[in-house]
């Protein structure tokens, strides 16, 4: 019984050590790209306002290689039509942060998609 508890304790200690080694608190900050996939999109219409005061958007977004993905997010204000956005996306939480950027800041593959 003591051997089992010793082995279990060592496994727990090793797991905690590995977690502390790979844990990066910067990944928890919404506007930090660490641990997030960055997508780019353009506002193509007005957002729908739900029960809360927020505006909901569901848009087609592209990663740096130009691969397409449908993303939904909300904003506290109506976003400008034609504005280009950089979206910080995680699999678990979805879009964690967005910011408006210029056309020149878009990756070349995404610029070509919006010029067509």
Protein backbone atom coordinates (compact mmCIF):
# COMPACT_ATOMS: atom_id res chain seq x y z
CA UNK A 1 0.00 0.00 0.00
CA UNK A 2 2.85 2.38 0.83
CA UNK A 3 4.46 1.71 -2.56
CA UNK A 4 1.23 2.58 -4.38
CA UNK A 5 0.88 5.85 -2.45
CA UNK A 6 4.55 6.69 -3.12
CA UNK A 7 4.17 6.07 -6.85
CA UNK A 8 0.91 8.04 -6.96
CA UNK A 9 2.56 10.92 -5.10
CA UNK A 10 5.52 10.94 -7.52
CA UNK A 11 3.16 10.99 -10.51
CA UNK A 12 1.26 13.95 -9.04
CA UNK A 13 4.50 15.85 -8.29
CA UNK A 14 5.79 15.15 -11.83
CA UNK A 15 2.50 16.36 -13.31
CA UNK A 16 2.56 19.57 -11.30
CA UNK A 17 6.19 20.20 -12.33
CA UNK A 18 5.36 19.68 -16.02
CA UNK A 19 2.34 21.99 -15.75
CA UNK A 20 4.45 24.73 -14.15
CA UNK A 21 7.13 24.30 -16.82
CA UNK A 22 4.73 24.66 -19.76
CA UNK A 23 2.25 27.11 -18.18
CA UNK A 24 2.43 30.59 -19.65
CA UNK A 25 0.19 33.19 -17.94
CA UNK A 26 0.42 35.43 -21.04
CA UNK A 27 -1.89 32.97 -22.82
CA UNK A 28 -4.71 34.08 -20.51
CA UNK A 29 -4.53 37.73 -21.60
CA UNK A 30 -7.22 38.23 -24.31
CA UNK A 31 -5.23 40.60 -26.57
CA UNK A 32 -2.01 38.55 -26.45
CA UNK A 33 -1.62 36.31 -29.52
CA UNK A 34 0.23 33.63 -27.51
CA UNK A 35 -1.73 30.39 -27.74
CA UNK A 36 -4.33 31.86 -30.11
CA UNK A 37 -4.97 31.55 -33.84
CA UNK A 38 -5.22 34.88 -35.61
CA UNK A 39 -7.91 35.33 -38.24
CA UNK A 40 -8.77 38.31 -40.43
CA UNK A 41 -12.17 39.46 -41.60
CA UNK A 42 -14.06 42.42 -43.01
CA UNK A 43 -17.33 43.79 -41.62
CA UNK A 44 -19.90 43.27 -44.37
CA UNK A 45 -23.11 44.28 -42.63
CA UNK A 46 -24.63 45.53 -39.41
CA UNK A 47 -24.43 43.33 -36.36
CA UNK A 48 -27.57 41.93 -34.82
CA UNK A 49 -28.34 43.25 -31.37
CA UNK A 50 -29.46 40.58 -28.92
CA UNK A 51 -31.06 40.88 -25.50
CA UNK A 52 -27.91 42.50 -24.15
CA UNK A 53 -26.51 45.79 -25.37
CA UNK A 54 -23.88 43.95 -27.48
CA UNK A 55 -23.83 43.55 -31.26
CA UNK A 56 -23.35 39.99 -32.55
CA UNK A 57 -21.46 39.23 -35.75
CA UNK A 58 -21.07 35.98 -37.68
CA UNK A 59 -18.54 36.42 -40.47
CA UNK A 60 -16.23 34.48 -42.72
CA UNK A 61 -12.65 34.92 -41.55
CA UNK A 62 -9.29 33.82 -43.00
CA UNK A 63 -6.01 32.79 -41.40
CA UNK A 64 -2.60 33.90 -42.70
CA UNK A 65 -2.65 31.22 -45.42
CA UNK A 66 -6.10 32.26 -46.61
CA UNK A 67 -7.97 29.27 -45.19
CA UNK A 68 -11.63 30.05 -44.48
CA UNK A 69 -13.50 29.66 -41.16
CA UNK A 70 -16.90 30.88 -39.95
CA UNK A 71 -16.46 32.81 -36.69
CA UNK A 72 -18.93 34.56 -34.43
CA UNK A 73 -18.16 37.25 -31.88
CA UNK A 74 -19.74 40.25 -30.21
CA UNK A 75 -18.81 43.89 -29.79
CA UNK A 76 -19.98 46.59 -27.44
CA UNK A 77 -20.66 48.95 -30.35
CA UNK A 78 -21.80 48.80 -33.96
CA UNK A 79 -18.68 48.20 -36.06
CA UNK A 80 -17.95 50.25 -39.15
CA UNK A 81 -18.98 48.61 -42.42
CA UNK A 82 -15.91 47.77 -44.52
CA UNK A 83 -13.57 47.73 -41.51
CA UNK A 84 -10.88 45.04 -41.44
CA UNK A 85 -10.51 43.16 -38.17
CA UNK A 86 -7.86 40.96 -36.63
CA UNK A 87 -9.52 38.27 -34.48
CA UNK A 88 -7.78 36.30 -31.71
CA UNK A 89 -9.41 32.86 -31.63
CA UNK A 90 -9.11 29.87 -29.28
CA UNK A 91 -10.86 26.53 -29.73
CA UNK A 92 -12.40 26.55 -26.28
CA UNK A 93 -13.48 30.19 -25.89
CA UNK A 94 -13.89 31.29 -29.53
CA UNK A 95 -12.95 34.88 -30.39
CA UNK A 96 -11.33 36.35 -27.27
CA UNK A 97 -10.32 39.74 -28.68
CA UNK A 98 -10.60 41.76 -31.87
CA UNK A 99 -9.01 44.94 -33.14
CA UNK A 100 -9.45 47.03 -36.26
CA UNK A 101 -6.52 47.08 -38.69
CA UNK A 102 -5.80 48.63 -42.09
CA UNK A 103 -5.84 46.79 -45.42
CA UNK A 104 -2.04 47.05 -45.58
CA UNK A 105 -1.72 45.15 -42.27
CA UNK A 106 -3.55 42.12 -43.70
CA UNK A 107 -1.38 39.17 -44.81
CA UNK A 108 -0.83 39.03 -48.59
CA UNK A 109 -3.00 35.90 -48.99
CA UNK A 110 -5.93 37.63 -47.26
CA UNK A 111 -5.40 40.87 -49.22
CA UNK A 112 -5.76 38.90 -52.46
CA UNK A 113 -9.04 37.39 -51.26
CA UNK A 114 -10.54 40.82 -50.56
CA UNK A 115 -9.29 42.36 -53.82
CA UNK A 116 -11.19 39.80 -55.94
